[in-house]
Amino acid sequence: MAVKEVPAIFWKKKTRYYLELTHEEKRYLLEIMIWFRNKVLSEGGPTEDINEVILKLAK
């Protein structure tokens, strides 16, 4: 069995962070994200990424 040396770039994993929120914190964060989305939308900016976060929070 041969061992291949793989460049370090292939070994690096993305770091993920998870937040544990109470119901009140989650509701407050959702309200802020909706407000921010509306602000970006009124300025004509893209909201796709914000929409993804809102959908994840709404689950």
PDB file of N, CA and C in Angstrom:
ATOM      1  N   MET A   1       0.845  -1.167   0.000  1.00  0.00           N
ATOM      2  CA  MET A   1       0.000   0.000   0.000  1.00  0.00           C
ATOM      3  C   MET A   1       0.897   1.237   0.000  1.00  0.00           C
ATOM      4  N   ALA A   2       0.688   2.088  -0.961  1.00  0.00           N
ATOM      5  CA  ALA A   2       1.477   3.312  -1.086  1.00  0.00           C
ATOM      6  C   ALA A   2       0.725   4.483  -0.461  1.00  0.00           C
ATOM      7  N   VAL A   3       1.460   5.359   0.152  1.00  0.00           N
ATOM      8  CA  VAL A   3       0.873   6.550   0.771  1.00  0.00           C
ATOM      9  C   VAL A   3       1.239   7.740  -0.097  1.00  0.00           C
ATOM     10  N   LYS A   4       0.211   8.470  -0.503  1.00  0.00           N
ATOM     11  CA  LYS A   4       0.439   9.673  -1.303  1.00  0.00           C
ATOM     12  C   LYS A   4       0.484  10.890  -0.398  1.00  0.00           C
ATOM     13  N   GLU A   5       1.391  11.771  -0.736  1.00  0.00           N
ATOM     14  CA  GLU A   5       1.447  13.025   0.002  1.00  0.00           C
ATOM     15  C   GLU A   5       0.514  14.003  -0.687  1.00  0.00           C
ATOM     16  N   VAL A   6      -0.437  14.495   0.051  1.00  0.00           N
ATOM     17  CA  VAL A   6      -1.427  15.421  -0.491  1.00  0.00           C
ATOM     18  C   VAL A   6      -1.102  16.811   0.027  1.00  0.00           C
ATOM     19  N   PRO A   7      -1.120  17.812  -0.853  1.00  0.00           N
ATOM     20  CA  PRO A   7      -0.840  19.178  -0.393  1.00  0.00           C
ATOM     21  C   PRO A   7      -1.745  19.573   0.773  1.00  0.00           C
ATOM     22  N   ALA A   8      -1.215  20.408   1.630  1.00  0.00           N
ATOM     23  CA  ALA A   8      -1.932  20.805   2.848  1.00  0.00           C
ATOM     24  C   ALA A   8      -3.261  21.465   2.549  1.00  0.00           C
ATOM     25  N   ILE A   9      -3.398  22.076   1.406  1.00  0.00           N
ATOM     26  CA  ILE A   9      -4.643  22.773   1.087  1.00  0.00           C
ATOM     27  C   ILE A   9      -5.831  21.818   1.042  1.00  0.00           C
ATOM     28  N   PHE A  10      -5.587  20.567   0.716  1.00  0.00           N
ATOM     29  CA  PHE A  10      -6.682  19.606   0.641  1.00  0.00           C
ATOM     30  C   PHE A  10      -7.103  19.087   2.007  1.00  0.00           C
ATOM     31  N   TRP A  11      -6.263  19.261   2.999  1.00  0.00           N
ATOM     32  CA  TRP A  11      -6.573  18.767   4.331  1.00  0.00           C
ATOM     33  C   TRP A  11      -7.342  19.770   5.174  1.00  0.00           C
ATOM     34  N   LYS A  12      -7.285  21.022   4.785  1.00  0.00           N
ATOM     35  CA  LYS A  12      -7.937  22.049   5.598  1.00  0.00           C
ATOM     36  C   LYS A  12      -9.458  21.946   5.464  1.00  0.00           C
ATOM     37  N   LYS A  13     -10.117  21.870   6.579  1.00  0.00           N
ATOM     38  CA  LYS A  13     -11.578  21.824   6.594  1.00  0.00           C
ATOM     39  C   LYS A  13     -12.102  23.201   6.966  1.00  0.00           C
ATOM     40  N   LYS A  14     -13.277  23.491   6.476  1.00  0.00           N
ATOM     41  CA  LYS A  14     -13.899  24.756   6.853  1.00  0.00           C
ATOM     42  C   LYS A  14     -14.325  24.684   8.309  1.00  0.00           C
ATOM     43  N   THR A  15     -14.081  25.761   9.019  1.00  0.00           N
ATOM     44  CA  THR A  15     -14.494  25.830  10.408  1.00  0.00           C
ATOM     45  C   THR A  15     -15.945  26.266  10.460  1.00  0.00           C
ATOM     46  N   ARG A  16     -16.730  25.511  11.192  1.00  0.00           N
ATOM     47  CA  ARG A  16     -18.139  25.858  11.339  1.00  0.00           C
ATOM     48  C   ARG A  16     -18.398  26.273  12.774  1.00  0.00           C
ATOM     49  N   TYR A  17     -19.247  27.250  12.906  1.00  0.00           N
ATOM     50  CA  TYR A  17     -19.630  27.730  14.221  1.00  0.00           C
ATOM     51  C   TYR A  17     -21.124  27.541  14.396  1.00  0.00           C
ATOM     52  N   TYR A  18     -21.528  27.095  15.565  1.00  0.00           N
ATOM     53  CA  TYR A  18     -22.929  26.897  15.868  1.00  0.00           C
ATOM     54  C   TYR A  18     -23.306  27.758  17.069  1.00  0.00           C
ATOM     55  N   LEU A  19     -24.444  28.394  16.975  1.00  0.00           N
ATOM     56  CA  LEU A  19     -24.943  29.212  18.073  1.00  0.00           C
ATOM     57  C   LEU A  19     -26.128  28.515  18.717  1.00  0.00           C
ATOM     58  N   GLU A  20     -26.142  28.492  20.017  1.00  0.00           N
ATOM     59  CA  GLU A  20     -27.299  27.988  20.740  1.00  0.00           C
ATOM     60  C   GLU A  20     -28.048  29.210  21.262  1.00  0.00           C
ATOM     61  N   LEU A  21     -29.242  29.424  20.731  1.00  0.00           N
ATOM     62  CA  LEU A  21     -30.025  30.599  21.081  1.00  0.00           C
ATOM     63  C   LEU A  21     -31.294  30.205  21.823  1.00  0.00           C
ATOM     64  N   THR A  22     -31.697  31.056  22.751  1.00  0.00           N
ATOM     65  CA  THR A  22     -32.989  30.858  23.386  1.00  0.00           C
ATOM     66  C   THR A  22     -34.074  31.283  22.393  1.00  0.00           C
ATOM     67  N   HIS A  23     -35.302  30.973  22.707  1.00  0.00           N
ATOM     68  CA  HIS A  23     -36.401  31.349  21.828  1.00  0.00           C
ATOM     69  C   HIS A  23     -36.460  32.869  21.642  1.00  0.00           C
ATOM     70  N   GLU A  24     -36.265  33.613  22.712  1.00  0.00           N
ATOM     71  CA  GLU A  24     -36.306  35.072  22.634  1.00  0.00           C
ATOM     72  C   GLU A  24     -35.165  35.631  21.788  1.00  0.00           C
ATOM     73  N   GLU A  25     -33.968  35.083  21.958  1.00  0.00           N
ATOM     74  CA  GLU A  25     -32.822  35.535  21.168  1.00  0.00           C
ATOM     75  C   GLU A  25     -33.027  35.239  19.683  1.00  0.00           C
ATOM     76  N   LYS A  26     -33.572  34.069  19.407  1.00  0.00           N
ATOM     77  CA  LYS A  26     -33.825  33.676  18.019  1.00  0.00           C
ATOM     78  C   LYS A  26     -34.860  34.602  17.369  1.00  0.00           C
ATOM     79  N   ARG A  27     -35.915  34.924  18.119  1.00  0.00           N
ATOM     80  CA  ARG A  27     -36.960  35.816  17.602  1.00  0.00           C
ATOM     81  C   ARG A  27     -36.398  37.212  17.353  1.00  0.00           C
ATOM     82  N   TYR A  28     -35.583  37.704  18.294  1.00  0.00           N
ATOM     83  CA  TYR A  28     -34.980  39.023  18.158  1.00  0.00           C
ATOM     84  C   TYR A  28     -34.033  39.073  16.958  1.00  0.00           C
ATOM     85  N   LEU A  29     -33.206  38.048  16.796  1.00  0.00           N
ATOM     86  CA  LEU A  29     -32.287  37.988  15.665  1.00  0.00           C
ATOM     87  C   LEU A  29     -33.048  37.922  14.341  1.00  0.00           C
ATOM     88  N   LEU A  30     -34.136  37.180  14.305  1.00  0.00           N
ATOM     89  CA  LEU A  30     -34.958  37.088  13.100  1.00  0.00           C
ATOM     90  C   LEU A  30     -35.553  38.457  12.745  1.00  0.00           C
ATOM     91  N   GLU A  31     -36.038  39.186  13.742  1.00  0.00           N
ATOM     92  CA  GLU A  31     -36.578  40.529  13.498  1.00  0.00           C
ATOM     93  C   GLU A  31     -35.513  41.465  12.936  1.00  0.00           C
ATOM     94  N   ILE A  32     -34.304  41.397  13.495  1.00  0.00           N
ATOM     95  CA  ILE A  32     -33.207  42.240  13.021  1.00  0.00           C
ATOM     96  C   ILE A  32     -32.826  41.884  11.590  1.00  0.00           C
ATOM     97  N   MET A  33     -32.769  40.591  11.287  1.00  0.00           N
ATOM     98  CA  MET A  33     -32.410  40.161   9.937  1.00  0.00           C
ATOM     99  C   MET A  33     -33.455  40.602   8.917  1.00  0.00           C
ATOM    100  N   ILE A  34     -34.725  40.557   9.276  1.00  0.00           N
ATOM    101  CA  ILE A  34     -35.791  41.015   8.373  1.00  0.00           C
ATOM    102  C   ILE A  34     -35.675  42.517   8.171  1.00  0.00           C
ATOM    103  N   TRP A  35     -35.393  43.263   9.251  1.00  0.00           N
ATOM    104  CA  TRP A  35     -35.215  44.714   9.132  1.00  0.00           C
ATOM    105  C   TRP A  35     -34.038  45.022   8.205  1.00  0.00           C
ATOM    106  N   PHE A  36     -32.916  44.302   8.403  1.00  0.00           N
ATOM    107  CA  PHE A  36     -31.731  44.524   7.591  1.00  0.00           C
ATOM    108  C   PHE A  36     -32.001  44.176   6.129  1.00  0.00           C
ATOM    109  N   ARG A  37     -32.735  43.092   5.885  1.00  0.00           N
ATOM    110  CA  ARG A  37     -33.082  42.698   4.519  1.00  0.00           C
ATOM    111  C   ARG A  37     -33.897  43.793   3.840  1.00  0.00           C
ATOM    112  N   ASN A  38     -34.869  44.331   4.559  1.00  0.00           N
ATOM    113  CA  ASN A  38     -35.699  45.397   3.993  1.00  0.00           C
ATOM    114  C   ASN A  38     -34.868  46.644   3.694  1.00  0.00           C
ATOM    115  N   LYS A  39     -33.899  46.952   4.558  1.00  0.00           N
ATOM    116  CA  LYS A  39     -33.028  48.107   4.332  1.00  0.00           C
ATOM    117  C   LYS A  39     -32.188  47.904   3.066  1.00  0.00           C
ATOM    118  N   VAL A  40     -31.578  46.728   2.927  1.00  0.00           N
ATOM    119  CA  VAL A  40     -30.765  46.422   1.747  1.00  0.00           C
ATOM    120  C   VAL A  40     -31.629  46.428   0.498  1.00  0.00           C
ATOM    121  N   LEU A  41     -32.831  45.891   0.593  1.00  0.00           N
ATOM    122  CA  LEU A  41     -33.750  45.842  -0.540  1.00  0.00           C
ATOM    123  C   LEU A  41     -34.156  47.247  -0.979  1.00  0.00           C
ATOM    124  N   SER A  42     -34.397  48.144  -0.023  1.00  0.00           N
ATOM    125  CA  SER A  42     -34.791  49.516  -0.368  1.00  0.00           C
ATOM    126  C   SER A  42     -33.636  50.283  -1.023  1.00  0.00           C
ATOM    127  N   GLU A  43     -32.396  49.873  -0.722  1.00  0.00           N
ATOM    128  CA  GLU A  43     -31.231  50.496  -1.342  1.00  0.00           C
ATOM    129  C   GLU A  43     -30.863  49.845  -2.671  1.00  0.00           C
ATOM    130  N   GLY A  44     -31.605  48.813  -3.037  1.00  0.00           N
ATOM    131  CA  GLY A  44     -31.376  48.142  -4.313  1.00  0.00           C
ATOM    132  C   GLY A  44     -30.277  47.091  -4.288  1.00  0.00           C
ATOM    133  N   GLY A  45     -29.903  46.651  -3.116  1.00  0.00           N
ATOM    134  CA  GLY A  45     -28.840  45.659  -2.990  1.00  0.00           C
ATOM    135  C   GLY A  45     -29.353  44.232  -3.078  1.00  0.00           C
ATOM    136  N   PRO A  46     -28.450  43.271  -3.241  1.00  0.00           N
ATOM    137  CA  PRO A  46     -28.850  41.865  -3.317  1.00  0.00           C
ATOM    138  C   PRO A  46     -29.203  41.321  -1.930  1.00  0.00           C
ATOM    139  N   THR A  47     -30.216  40.507  -1.855  1.00  0.00           N
ATOM    140  CA  THR A  47     -30.666  39.977  -0.570  1.00  0.00           C
ATOM    141  C   THR A  47     -30.646  38.452  -0.511  1.00  0.00           C
ATOM    142  N   GLU A  48     -30.034  37.799  -1.479  1.00  0.00           N
ATOM    143  CA  GLU A  48     -30.064  36.339  -1.526  1.00  0.00           C
ATOM    144  C   GLU A  48     -29.432  35.705  -0.287  1.00  0.00           C
ATOM    145  N   ASP A  49     -28.268  36.198   0.117  1.00  0.00           N
ATOM    146  CA  ASP A  49     -27.587  35.626   1.282  1.00  0.00           C
ATOM    147  C   ASP A  49     -28.362  35.891   2.567  1.00  0.00           C
ATOM    148  N   ILE A  50     -28.936  37.066   2.668  1.00  0.00           N
ATOM    149  CA  ILE A  50     -29.735  37.407   3.847  1.00  0.00           C
ATOM    150  C   ILE A  50     -30.967  36.512   3.911  1.00  0.00           C
ATOM    151  N   ASN A  51     -31.578  36.248   2.754  1.00  0.00           N
ATOM    152  CA  ASN A  51     -32.743  35.368   2.712  1.00  0.00           C
ATOM    153  C   ASN A  51     -32.397  33.964   3.205  1.00  0.00           C
ATOM    154  N   GLU A  52     -31.214  33.472   2.846  1.00  0.00           N
ATOM    155  CA  GLU A  52     -30.787  32.149   3.293  1.00  0.00           C
ATOM    156  C   GLU A  52     -30.661  32.091   4.811  1.00  0.00           C
ATOM    157  N   VAL A  53     -30.095  33.146   5.396  1.00  0.00           N
ATOM    158  CA  VAL A  53     -29.949  33.180   6.849  1.00  0.00           C
ATOM    159  C   VAL A  53     -31.313  33.242   7.519  1.00  0.00           C
ATOM    160  N   ILE A  54     -32.215  34.043   6.975  1.00  0.00           N
ATOM    161  CA  ILE A  54     -33.557  34.149   7.536  1.00  0.00           C
ATOM    162  C   ILE A  54     -34.265  32.799   7.484  1.00  0.00           C
ATOM    163  N   LEU A  55     -34.142  32.083   6.372  1.00  0.00           N
ATOM    164  CA  LEU A  55     -34.764  30.771   6.262  1.00  0.00           C
ATOM    165  C   LEU A  55     -34.183  29.784   7.259  1.00  0.00           C
ATOM    166  N   LYS A  56     -32.873  29.830   7.486  1.00  0.00           N
ATOM    167  CA  LYS A  56     -32.261  28.942   8.464  1.00  0.00           C
ATOM    168  C   LYS A  56     -32.718  29.271   9.888  1.00  0.00           C
ATOM    169  N   LEU A  57     -32.889  30.556  10.171  1.00  0.00           N
ATOM    170  CA  LEU A  57     -33.361  30.956  11.493  1.00  0.00           C
ATOM    171  C   LEU A  57     -34.818  30.575  11.704  1.00  0.00           C
ATOM    172  N   ALA A  58     -35.602  30.578  10.654  1.00  0.00           N
ATOM    173  CA  ALA A  58     -37.022  30.304  10.759  1.00  0.00           C
ATOM    174  C   ALA A  58     -37.320  28.818  11.005  1.00  0.00           C
ATOM    175  N   LYS A  59     -36.336  27.955  10.771  1.00  0.00           N
ATOM    176  CA  LYS A  59     -36.557  26.512  10.992  1.00  0.00           C
ATOM    177  C   LYS A  59     -36.691  26.200  12.451  1.00  0.00           C
TER     178      LYS A  59
END
